[in-house]
Amino acid sequence: ICWELTSITSYLLIGHTHEKETARQSALQALLVTGLGGMA
């Protein structure tokens, strides 16, 4: 549970400057990679 919470909160932190496309893209990438790893 805490492992997945770190992925979600890091997504929010990386995408802090969400008005920038690079920030949104990087946040999504981090969430997908670590989130899929979390499912495994």
PDB file of all heavy atoms in Angstrom:
ATOM      1  N   ILE A   1       0.834  -1.199   0.000  1.00  0.00           N
ATOM      2  CA  ILE A   1       0.000   0.000   0.000  1.00  0.00           C
ATOM      3  C   ILE A   1       0.871   1.252   0.000  1.00  0.00           C
ATOM      4  O   ILE A   1       0.657   2.188  -0.788  1.00  0.00           O
ATOM      5  CB  ILE A   1      -0.952  -0.008   1.212  1.00  0.00           C
ATOM      6  CG1 ILE A   1      -1.993  -1.122   1.053  1.00  0.00           C
ATOM      7  CG2 ILE A   1      -1.642   1.340   1.376  1.00  0.00           C
ATOM      8  CD1 ILE A   1      -2.867  -1.320   2.260  1.00  0.00           C
ATOM      9  N   CYS A   2       1.860   1.285   0.870  1.00  0.00           N
ATOM     10  CA  CYS A   2       2.750   2.450   0.930  1.00  0.00           C
ATOM     11  C   CYS A   2       3.606   2.550  -0.327  1.00  0.00           C
ATOM     12  O   CYS A   2       3.926   3.657  -0.777  1.00  0.00           O
ATOM     13  CB  CYS A   2       3.632   2.363   2.175  1.00  0.00           C
ATOM     14  SG  CYS A   2       2.720   2.493   3.734  1.00  0.00           S
ATOM     15  N   TRP A   3       3.973   1.418  -0.892  1.00  0.00           N
ATOM     16  CA  TRP A   3       4.751   1.401  -2.140  1.00  0.00           C
ATOM     17  C   TRP A   3       3.985   2.114  -3.250  1.00  0.00           C
ATOM     18  O   TRP A   3       4.538   2.962  -3.975  1.00  0.00           O
ATOM     19  CB  TRP A   3       5.024  -0.048  -2.529  1.00  0.00           C
ATOM     20  CG  TRP A   3       5.882  -0.247  -3.725  1.00  0.00           C
ATOM     21  CD1 TRP A   3       5.496  -0.202  -5.033  1.00  0.00           C
ATOM     22  CD2 TRP A   3       7.285  -0.545  -3.739  1.00  0.00           C
ATOM     23  NE1 TRP A   3       6.554  -0.459  -5.854  1.00  0.00           N
ATOM     24  CE2 TRP A   3       7.668  -0.681  -5.101  1.00  0.00           C
ATOM     25  CE3 TRP A   3       8.233  -0.726  -2.753  1.00  0.00           C
ATOM     26  CZ2 TRP A   3       8.976  -0.978  -5.470  1.00  0.00           C
ATOM     27  CZ3 TRP A   3       9.542  -1.031  -3.132  1.00  0.00           C
ATOM     28  CH2 TRP A   3       9.903  -1.149  -4.458  1.00  0.00           C
ATOM     29  N   GLU A   4       2.710   1.796  -3.377  1.00  0.00           N
ATOM     30  CA  GLU A   4       1.900   2.433  -4.417  1.00  0.00           C
ATOM     31  C   GLU A   4       1.643   3.907  -4.104  1.00  0.00           C
ATOM     32  O   GLU A   4       1.560   4.739  -5.015  1.00  0.00           O
ATOM     33  CB  GLU A   4       0.570   1.685  -4.569  1.00  0.00           C
ATOM     34  CG  GLU A   4       0.714   0.292  -5.157  1.00  0.00           C
ATOM     35  CD  GLU A   4       1.335   0.325  -6.540  1.00  0.00           C
ATOM     36  OE1 GLU A   4       0.598   0.513  -7.521  1.00  0.00           O
ATOM     37  OE2 GLU A   4       2.565   0.178  -6.659  1.00  0.00           O
ATOM     38  N   LEU A   5       1.533   4.235  -2.825  1.00  0.00           N
ATOM     39  CA  LEU A   5       1.352   5.640  -2.449  1.00  0.00           C
ATOM     40  C   LEU A   5       2.572   6.476  -2.837  1.00  0.00           C
ATOM     41  O   LEU A   5       2.429   7.636  -3.238  1.00  0.00           O
ATOM     42  CB  LEU A   5       1.091   5.761  -0.950  1.00  0.00           C
ATOM     43  CG  LEU A   5      -0.310   5.352  -0.484  1.00  0.00           C
ATOM     44  CD1 LEU A   5      -0.398   5.421   1.038  1.00  0.00           C
ATOM     45  CD2 LEU A   5      -1.380   6.233  -1.117  1.00  0.00           C
ATOM     46  N   THR A   6       3.759   5.897  -2.725  1.00  0.00           N
ATOM     47  CA  THR A   6       4.948   6.644  -3.153  1.00  0.00           C
ATOM     48  C   THR A   6       4.919   6.892  -4.660  1.00  0.00           C
ATOM     49  O   THR A   6       5.349   7.961  -5.126  1.00  0.00           O
ATOM     50  CB  THR A   6       6.242   5.892  -2.779  1.00  0.00           C
ATOM     51  OG1 THR A   6       6.266   4.611  -3.428  1.00  0.00           O
ATOM     52  CG2 THR A   6       6.348   5.695  -1.280  1.00  0.00           C
ATOM     53  N   SER A   7       4.407   5.933  -5.428  1.00  0.00           N
ATOM     54  CA  SER A   7       4.307   6.135  -6.882  1.00  0.00           C
ATOM     55  C   SER A   7       3.319   7.244  -7.215  1.00  0.00           C
ATOM     56  O   SER A   7       3.576   8.098  -8.077  1.00  0.00           O
ATOM     57  CB  SER A   7       3.878   4.831  -7.567  1.00  0.00           C
ATOM     58  OG  SER A   7       4.851   3.821  -7.409  1.00  0.00           O
ATOM     59  N   ILE A   8       2.185   7.247  -6.511  1.00  0.00           N
ATOM     60  CA  ILE A   8       1.160   8.260  -6.784  1.00  0.00           C
ATOM     61  C   ILE A   8       1.647   9.648  -6.380  1.00  0.00           C
ATOM     62  O   ILE A   8       1.505  10.622  -7.131  1.00  0.00           O
ATOM     63  CB  ILE A   8      -0.140   7.901  -6.046  1.00  0.00           C
ATOM     64  CG1 ILE A   8      -0.712   6.595  -6.605  1.00  0.00           C
ATOM     65  CG2 ILE A   8      -1.167   9.025  -6.169  1.00  0.00           C
ATOM     66  CD1 ILE A   8      -1.858   6.036  -5.803  1.00  0.00           C
ATOM     67  N   THR A   9       2.226   9.760  -5.196  1.00  0.00           N
ATOM     68  CA  THR A   9       2.693  11.073  -4.741  1.00  0.00           C
ATOM     69  C   THR A   9       3.880  11.568  -5.561  1.00  0.00           C
ATOM     70  O   THR A   9       4.011  12.771  -5.805  1.00  0.00           O
ATOM     71  CB  THR A   9       3.070  11.021  -3.251  1.00  0.00           C
ATOM     72  OG1 THR A   9       3.948   9.897  -3.010  1.00  0.00           O
ATOM     73  CG2 THR A   9       1.837  10.861  -2.382  1.00  0.00           C
ATOM     74  N   SER A  10       4.742  10.655  -5.983  1.00  0.00           N
ATOM     75  CA  SER A  10       5.853  11.092  -6.838  1.00  0.00           C
ATOM     76  C   SER A  10       5.338  11.576  -8.186  1.00  0.00           C
ATOM     77  O   SER A  10       5.901  12.516  -8.775  1.00  0.00           O
ATOM     78  CB  SER A  10       6.860   9.950  -7.037  1.00  0.00           C
ATOM     79  OG  SER A  10       6.264   8.881  -7.759  1.00  0.00           O
ATOM     80  N   TYR A  11       4.272  10.978  -8.679  1.00  0.00           N
ATOM     81  CA  TYR A  11       3.632  11.458  -9.913  1.00  0.00           C
ATOM     82  C   TYR A  11       3.170  12.904  -9.744  1.00  0.00           C
ATOM     83  O   TYR A  11       3.383  13.759 -10.619  1.00  0.00           O
ATOM     84  CB  TYR A  11       2.452  10.548 -10.254  1.00  0.00           C
ATOM     85  CG  TYR A  11       1.484  11.119 -11.264  1.00  0.00           C
ATOM     86  CD1 TYR A  11       1.796  11.133 -12.619  1.00  0.00           C
ATOM     87  CD2 TYR A  11       0.261  11.639 -10.864  1.00  0.00           C
ATOM     88  CE1 TYR A  11       0.914  11.655 -13.551  1.00  0.00           C
ATOM     89  CE2 TYR A  11      -0.629  12.164 -11.788  1.00  0.00           C
ATOM     90  CZ  TYR A  11      -0.297  12.167 -13.122  1.00  0.00           C
ATOM     91  OH  TYR A  11      -1.172  12.683 -14.046  1.00  0.00           O
ATOM     92  N   LEU A  12       2.560  13.191  -8.614  1.00  0.00           N
ATOM     93  CA  LEU A  12       2.091  14.550  -8.344  1.00  0.00           C
ATOM     94  C   LEU A  12       3.260  15.519  -8.190  1.00  0.00           C
ATOM     95  O   LEU A  12       3.185  16.677  -8.615  1.00  0.00           O
ATOM     96  CB  LEU A  12       1.225  14.559  -7.088  1.00  0.00           C
ATOM     97  CG  LEU A  12      -0.062  13.729  -7.155  1.00  0.00           C
ATOM     98  CD1 LEU A  12      -0.737  13.670  -5.790  1.00  0.00           C
ATOM     99  CD2 LEU A  12      -1.018  14.305  -8.191  1.00  0.00           C
ATOM    100  N   LEU A  13       4.335  15.054  -7.568  1.00  0.00           N
ATOM    101  CA  LEU A  13       5.494  15.918  -7.354  1.00  0.00           C
ATOM    102  C   LEU A  13       6.234  16.198  -8.659  1.00  0.00           C
ATOM    103  O   LEU A  13       6.618  17.345  -8.935  1.00  0.00           O
ATOM    104  CB  LEU A  13       6.436  15.281  -6.339  1.00  0.00           C
ATOM    105  CG  LEU A  13       5.959  15.311  -4.881  1.00  0.00           C
ATOM    106  CD1 LEU A  13       6.794  14.381  -4.018  1.00  0.00           C
ATOM    107  CD2 LEU A  13       6.013  16.733  -4.339  1.00  0.00           C
ATOM    108  N   ILE A  14       6.455  15.170  -9.455  1.00  0.00           N
ATOM    109  CA  ILE A  14       7.160  15.367 -10.728  1.00  0.00           C
ATOM    110  C   ILE A  14       6.354  16.275 -11.650  1.00  0.00           C
ATOM    111  O   ILE A  14       6.906  17.094 -12.385  1.00  0.00           O
ATOM    112  CB  ILE A  14       7.450  14.006 -11.392  1.00  0.00           C
ATOM    113  CG1 ILE A  14       8.409  13.183 -10.521  1.00  0.00           C
ATOM    114  CG2 ILE A  14       8.048  14.195 -12.786  1.00  0.00           C
ATOM    115  CD1 ILE A  14       8.565  11.750 -10.972  1.00  0.00           C
ATOM    116  N   GLY A  15       5.042  16.147 -11.600  1.00  0.00           N
ATOM    117  CA  GLY A  15       4.183  16.979 -12.438  1.00  0.00           C
ATOM    118  C   GLY A  15       3.745  18.265 -11.772  1.00  0.00           C
ATOM    119  O   GLY A  15       2.687  18.807 -12.120  1.00  0.00           O
ATOM    120  N   HIS A  16       4.543  18.766 -10.832  1.00  0.00           N
ATOM    121  CA  HIS A  16       4.162  19.993 -10.117  1.00  0.00           C
ATOM    122  C   HIS A  16       3.931  21.151 -11.078  1.00  0.00           C
ATOM    123  O   HIS A  16       2.931  21.870 -10.986  1.00  0.00           O
ATOM    124  CB  HIS A  16       5.250  20.365  -9.106  1.00  0.00           C
ATOM    125  CG  HIS A  16       5.019  21.682  -8.428  1.00  0.00           C
ATOM    126  ND1 HIS A  16       3.997  21.888  -7.527  1.00  0.00           N
ATOM    127  CD2 HIS A  16       5.673  22.877  -8.535  1.00  0.00           C
ATOM    128  CE1 HIS A  16       4.034  23.138  -7.102  1.00  0.00           C
ATOM    129  NE2 HIS A  16       5.029  23.759  -7.701  1.00  0.00           N
ATOM    130  N   THR A  17       4.832  21.324 -12.016  1.00  0.00           N
ATOM    131  CA  THR A  17       4.648  22.368 -13.033  1.00  0.00           C
ATOM    132  C   THR A  17       3.831  21.782 -14.187  1.00  0.00           C
ATOM    133  O   THR A  17       4.327  21.608 -15.305  1.00  0.00           O
ATOM    134  CB  THR A  17       6.015  22.875 -13.532  1.00  0.00           C
ATOM    135  OG1 THR A  17       6.812  21.749 -13.957  1.00  0.00           O
ATOM    136  CG2 THR A  17       6.753  23.603 -12.423  1.00  0.00           C
ATOM    137  N   HIS A  18       2.574  21.481 -13.893  1.00  0.00           N
ATOM    138  CA  HIS A  18       1.747  20.717 -14.830  1.00  0.00           C
ATOM    139  C   HIS A  18       1.379  21.502 -16.081  1.00  0.00           C
ATOM    140  O   HIS A  18       0.864  20.929 -17.041  1.00  0.00           O
ATOM    141  CB  HIS A  18       0.468  20.267 -14.127  1.00  0.00           C
ATOM    142  CG  HIS A  18      -0.251  21.380 -13.431  1.00  0.00           C
ATOM    143  ND1 HIS A  18      -1.052  22.272 -14.092  1.00  0.00           N
ATOM    144  CD2 HIS A  18      -0.269  21.757 -12.120  1.00  0.00           C
ATOM    145  CE1 HIS A  18      -1.551  23.140 -13.238  1.00  0.00           C
ATOM    146  NE2 HIS A  18      -1.090  22.863 -12.027  1.00  0.00           N
ATOM    147  N   GLU A  19       1.631  22.797 -16.092  1.00  0.00           N
ATOM    148  CA  GLU A  19       1.356  23.563 -17.302  1.00  0.00           C
ATOM    149  C   GLU A  19       2.378  23.262 -18.402  1.00  0.00           C
ATOM    150  O   GLU A  19       2.159  23.604 -19.563  1.00  0.00           O
ATOM    151  CB  GLU A  19       1.344  25.061 -17.004  1.00  0.00           C
ATOM    152  CG  GLU A  19       2.686  25.640 -16.547  1.00  0.00           C
ATOM    153  CD  GLU A  19       2.946  25.448 -15.066  1.00  0.00           C
ATOM    154  OE1 GLU A  19       2.085  24.824 -14.401  1.00  0.00           O
ATOM    155  OE2 GLU A  19       3.987  25.918 -14.574  1.00  0.00           O
ATOM    156  N   LYS A  20       3.483  22.598 -18.044  1.00  0.00           N
ATOM    157  CA  LYS A  20       4.503  22.234 -19.022  1.00  0.00           C
ATOM    158  C   LYS A  20       4.277  20.803 -19.486  1.00  0.00           C
ATOM    159  O   LYS A  20       4.091  19.899 -18.675  1.00  0.00           O
ATOM    160  CB  LYS A  20       5.903  22.368 -18.412  1.00  0.00           C
ATOM    161  CG  LYS A  20       6.263  23.783 -17.974  1.00  0.00           C
ATOM    162  CD  LYS A  20       7.650  23.828 -17.357  1.00  0.00           C
ATOM    163  CE  LYS A  20       8.026  25.222 -16.895  1.00  0.00           C
ATOM    164  NZ  LYS A  20       9.371  25.253 -16.255  1.00  0.00           N
ATOM    165  N   GLU A  21       4.329  20.617 -20.793  1.00  0.00           N
ATOM    166  CA  GLU A  21       4.084  19.291 -21.344  1.00  0.00           C
ATOM    167  C   GLU A  21       5.136  18.284 -20.892  1.00  0.00           C
ATOM    168  O   GLU A  21       4.824  17.125 -20.615  1.00  0.00           O
ATOM    169  CB  GLU A  21       4.045  19.357 -22.873  1.00  0.00           C
ATOM    170  CG  GLU A  21       3.713  18.025 -23.523  1.00  0.00           C
ATOM    171  CD  GLU A  21       3.690  18.099 -25.036  1.00  0.00           C
ATOM    172  OE1 GLU A  21       3.850  19.218 -25.570  1.00  0.00           O
ATOM    173  OE2 GLU A  21       3.505  17.048 -25.670  1.00  0.00           O
ATOM    174  N   THR A  22       6.401  18.733 -20.803  1.00  0.00           N
ATOM    175  CA  THR A  22       7.470  17.814 -20.397  1.00  0.00           C
ATOM    176  C   THR A  22       7.242  17.301 -18.977  1.00  0.00           C
ATOM    177  O   THR A  22       7.503  16.131 -18.692  1.00  0.00           O
ATOM    178  CB  THR A  22       8.834  18.519 -20.474  1.00  0.00           C
ATOM    179  OG1 THR A  22       8.789  19.741 -19.716  1.00  0.00           O
ATOM    180  CG2 THR A  22       9.195  18.831 -21.914  1.00  0.00           C
ATOM    181  N   ALA A  23       6.747  18.174 -18.095  1.00  0.00           N
ATOM    182  CA  ALA A  23       6.482  17.751 -16.719  1.00  0.00           C
ATOM    183  C   ALA A  23       5.359  16.722 -16.683  1.00  0.00           C
ATOM    184  O   ALA A  23       5.445  15.710 -15.968  1.00  0.00           O
ATOM    185  CB  ALA A  23       6.136  18.958 -15.854  1.00  0.00           C
ATOM    186  N   ARG A  24       4.298  16.963 -17.434  1.00  0.00           N
ATOM    187  CA  ARG A  24       3.177  16.017 -17.466  1.00  0.00           C
ATOM    188  C   ARG A  24       3.618  14.687 -18.049  1.00  0.00           C
ATOM    189  O   ARG A  24       3.267  13.615 -17.531  1.00  0.00           O
ATOM    190  CB  ARG A  24       2.019  16.593 -18.284  1.00  0.00           C
ATOM    191  CG  ARG A  24       1.434  17.879 -17.730  1.00  0.00           C
ATOM    192  CD  ARG A  24       0.092  18.187 -18.385  1.00  0.00           C
ATOM    193  NE  ARG A  24       0.200  18.314 -19.826  1.00  0.00           N
ATOM    194  CZ  ARG A  24       0.460  19.448 -20.461  1.00  0.00           C
ATOM    195  NH1 ARG A  24       0.660  20.563 -19.761  1.00  0.00           N
ATOM    196  NH2 ARG A  24       0.514  19.490 -21.781  1.00  0.00           N
ATOM    197  N   GLN A  25       4.386  14.749 -19.106  1.00  0.00           N
ATOM    198  CA  GLN A  25       4.846  13.531 -19.767  1.00  0.00           C
ATOM    199  C   GLN A  25       5.779  12.734 -18.862  1.00  0.00           C
ATOM    200  O   GLN A  25       5.656  11.506 -18.754  1.00  0.00           O
ATOM    201  CB  GLN A  25       5.535  13.896 -21.078  1.00  0.00           C
ATOM    202  CG  GLN A  25       5.873  12.716 -21.968  1.00  0.00           C
ATOM    203  CD  GLN A  25       6.539  13.163 -23.256  1.00  0.00           C
ATOM    204  OE1 GLN A  25       7.718  13.496 -23.282  1.00  0.00           O
ATOM    205  NE2 GLN A  25       5.776  13.190 -24.333  1.00  0.00           N
ATOM    206  N   SER A  26       6.698  13.423 -18.187  1.00  0.00           N
ATOM    207  CA  SER A  26       7.640  12.742 -17.295  1.00  0.00           C
ATOM    208  C   SER A  26       6.927  12.146 -16.092  1.00  0.00           C
ATOM    209  O   SER A  26       7.264  11.042 -15.644  1.00  0.00           O
ATOM    210  CB  SER A  26       8.719  13.722 -16.833  1.00  0.00           C
ATOM    211  OG  SER A  26       9.446  14.225 -17.929  1.00  0.00           O
ATOM    212  N   ALA A  27       5.952  12.871 -15.553  1.00  0.00           N
ATOM    213  CA  ALA A  27       5.196  12.357 -14.411  1.00  0.00           C
ATOM    214  C   ALA A  27       4.426  11.104 -14.799  1.00  0.00           C
ATOM    215  O   ALA A  27       4.404  10.114 -14.045  1.00  0.00           O
ATOM    216  CB  ALA A  27       4.246  13.430 -13.897  1.00  0.00           C
ATOM    217  N   LEU A  28       3.809  11.124 -15.968  1.00  0.00           N
ATOM    218  CA  LEU A  28       3.063   9.953 -16.426  1.00  0.00           C
ATOM    219  C   LEU A  28       3.998   8.773 -16.655  1.00  0.00           C
ATOM    220  O   LEU A  28       3.668   7.630 -16.319  1.00  0.00           O
ATOM    221  CB  LEU A  28       2.309  10.290 -17.715  1.00  0.00           C
ATOM    222  CG  LEU A  28       1.502   9.140 -18.335  1.00  0.00           C
ATOM    223  CD1 LEU A  28       0.427   8.662 -17.375  1.00  0.00           C
ATOM    224  CD2 LEU A  28       0.881   9.575 -19.664  1.00  0.00           C
ATOM    225  N   GLN A  29       5.161   9.050 -17.231  1.00  0.00           N
ATOM    226  CA  GLN A  29       6.120   7.971 -17.471  1.00  0.00           C
ATOM    227  C   GLN A  29       6.565   7.328 -16.162  1.00  0.00           C
ATOM    228  O   GLN A  29       6.596   6.099 -16.044  1.00  0.00           O
ATOM    229  CB  GLN A  29       7.332   8.515 -18.222  1.00  0.00           C
ATOM    230  CG  GLN A  29       8.326   7.445 -18.627  1.00  0.00           C
ATOM    231  CD  GLN A  29       9.520   8.020 -19.370  1.00  0.00           C
ATOM    232  OE1 GLN A  29      10.368   8.667 -18.764  1.00  0.00           O
ATOM    233  NE2 GLN A  29       9.587   7.787 -20.672  1.00  0.00           N
ATOM    234  N   ALA A  30       6.897   8.146 -15.169  1.00  0.00           N
ATOM    235  CA  ALA A  30       7.306   7.613 -13.869  1.00  0.00           C
ATOM    236  C   ALA A  30       6.188   6.801 -13.246  1.00  0.00           C
ATOM    237  O   ALA A  30       6.418   5.725 -12.667  1.00  0.00           O
ATOM    238  CB  ALA A  30       7.720   8.754 -12.940  1.00  0.00           C
ATOM    239  N   LEU A  31       4.950   7.285 -13.364  1.00  0.00           N
ATOM    240  CA  LEU A  31       3.817   6.568 -12.778  1.00  0.00           C
ATOM    241  C   LEU A  31       3.580   5.235 -13.468  1.00  0.00           C
ATOM    242  O   LEU A  31       3.343   4.213 -12.805  1.00  0.00           O
ATOM    243  CB  LEU A  31       2.561   7.438 -12.876  1.00  0.00           C
ATOM    244  CG  LEU A  31       1.281   6.806 -12.303  1.00  0.00           C
ATOM    245  CD1 LEU A  31       1.407   6.596 -10.807  1.00  0.00           C
ATOM    246  CD2 LEU A  31       0.069   7.671 -12.632  1.00  0.00           C
ATOM    247  N   LEU A  32       3.645   5.220 -14.798  1.00  0.00           N
ATOM    248  CA  LEU A  32       3.394   3.981 -15.528  1.00  0.00           C
ATOM    249  C   LEU A  32       4.473   2.936 -15.251  1.00  0.00           C
ATOM    250  O   LEU A  32       4.176   1.765 -15.000  1.00  0.00           O
ATOM    251  CB  LEU A  32       3.295   4.267 -17.030  1.00  0.00           C
ATOM    252  CG  LEU A  32       2.052   5.036 -17.491  1.00  0.00           C
ATOM    253  CD1 LEU A  32       2.132   5.314 -18.983  1.00  0.00           C
ATOM    254  CD2 LEU A  32       0.787   4.252 -17.170  1.00  0.00           C
ATOM    255  N   VAL A  33       5.729   3.363 -15.295  1.00  0.00           N
ATOM    256  CA  VAL A  33       6.821   2.405 -15.100  1.00  0.00           C
ATOM    257  C   VAL A  33       6.808   1.853 -13.683  1.00  0.00           C
ATOM    258  O   VAL A  33       6.820   0.629 -13.473  1.00  0.00           O
ATOM    259  CB  VAL A  33       8.179   3.061 -15.416  1.00  0.00           C
ATOM    260  CG1 VAL A  33       9.324   2.107 -15.075  1.00  0.00           C
ATOM    261  CG2 VAL A  33       8.258   3.443 -16.882  1.00  0.00           C
ATOM    262  N   THR A  34       6.769   2.738 -12.697  1.00  0.00           N
ATOM    263  CA  THR A  34       6.779   2.267 -11.303  1.00  0.00           C
ATOM    264  C   THR A  34       5.454   1.623 -10.928  1.00  0.00           C
ATOM    265  O   THR A  34       5.420   0.705 -10.103  1.00  0.00           O
ATOM    266  CB  THR A  34       7.081   3.426 -10.344  1.00  0.00           C
ATOM    267  OG1 THR A  34       6.088   4.452 -10.493  1.00  0.00           O
ATOM    268  CG2 THR A  34       8.446   4.028 -10.643  1.00  0.00           C
ATOM    269  N   GLY A  35       4.353   2.105 -11.524  1.00  0.00           N
ATOM    270  CA  GLY A  35       3.053   1.501 -11.228  1.00  0.00           C
ATOM    271  C   GLY A  35       2.942   0.083 -11.760  1.00  0.00           C
ATOM    272  O   GLY A  35       2.434  -0.812 -11.071  1.00  0.00           O
ATOM    273  N   LEU A  36       3.412  -0.149 -12.982  1.00  0.00           N
ATOM    274  CA  LEU A  36       3.405  -1.512 -13.527  1.00  0.00           C
ATOM    275  C   LEU A  36       4.337  -2.415 -12.724  1.00  0.00           C
ATOM    276  O   LEU A  36       4.035  -3.589 -12.482  1.00  0.00           O
ATOM    277  CB  LEU A  36       3.815  -1.494 -14.999  1.00  0.00           C
ATOM    278  CG  LEU A  36       2.797  -0.860 -15.954  1.00  0.00           C
ATOM    279  CD1 LEU A  36       3.375  -0.756 -17.360  1.00  0.00           C
ATOM    280  CD2 LEU A  36       1.508  -1.682 -15.973  1.00  0.00           C
ATOM    281  N   GLY A  37       5.473  -1.859 -12.306  1.00  0.00           N
ATOM    282  CA  GLY A  37       6.345  -2.629 -11.422  1.00  0.00           C
ATOM    283  C   GLY A  37       5.666  -2.949 -10.114  1.00  0.00           C
ATOM    284  O   GLY A  37       5.851  -4.041  -9.543  1.00  0.00           O
ATOM    285  N   GLY A  38       4.845  -2.009  -9.617  1.00  0.00           N
ATOM    286  CA  GLY A  38       4.101  -2.255  -8.392  1.00  0.00           C
ATOM    287  C   GLY A  38       3.104  -3.384  -8.537  1.00  0.00           C
ATOM    288  O   GLY A  38       2.894  -4.175  -7.593  1.00  0.00           O
ATOM    289  N   MET A  39       2.468  -3.501  -9.697  1.00  0.00           N
ATOM    290  CA  MET A  39       1.537  -4.613  -9.918  1.00  0.00           C
ATOM    291  C   MET A  39       2.273  -5.950  -9.916  1.00  0.00           C
ATOM    292  O   MET A  39       1.780  -6.951  -9.371  1.00  0.00           O
ATOM    293  CB  MET A  39       0.803  -4.421 -11.247  1.00  0.00           C
ATOM    294  CG  MET A  39      -0.031  -3.150 -11.316  1.00  0.00           C
ATOM    295  SD  MET A  39      -1.218  -3.018  -9.955  1.00  0.00           S
ATOM    296  CE  MET A  39      -2.294  -4.396 -10.333  1.00  0.00           C
ATOM    297  N   ALA A  40       3.454  -5.969 -10.530  1.00  0.00           N
ATOM    298  CA  ALA A  40       4.265  -7.190 -10.474  1.00  0.00           C
ATOM    299  C   ALA A  40       4.669  -7.494  -9.039  1.00  0.00           C
ATOM    300  O   ALA A  40       4.658  -8.665  -8.607  1.00  0.00           O
ATOM    301  CB  ALA A  40       5.509  -7.025 -11.359  1.00  0.00           C
TER     302      ALA A  40
END
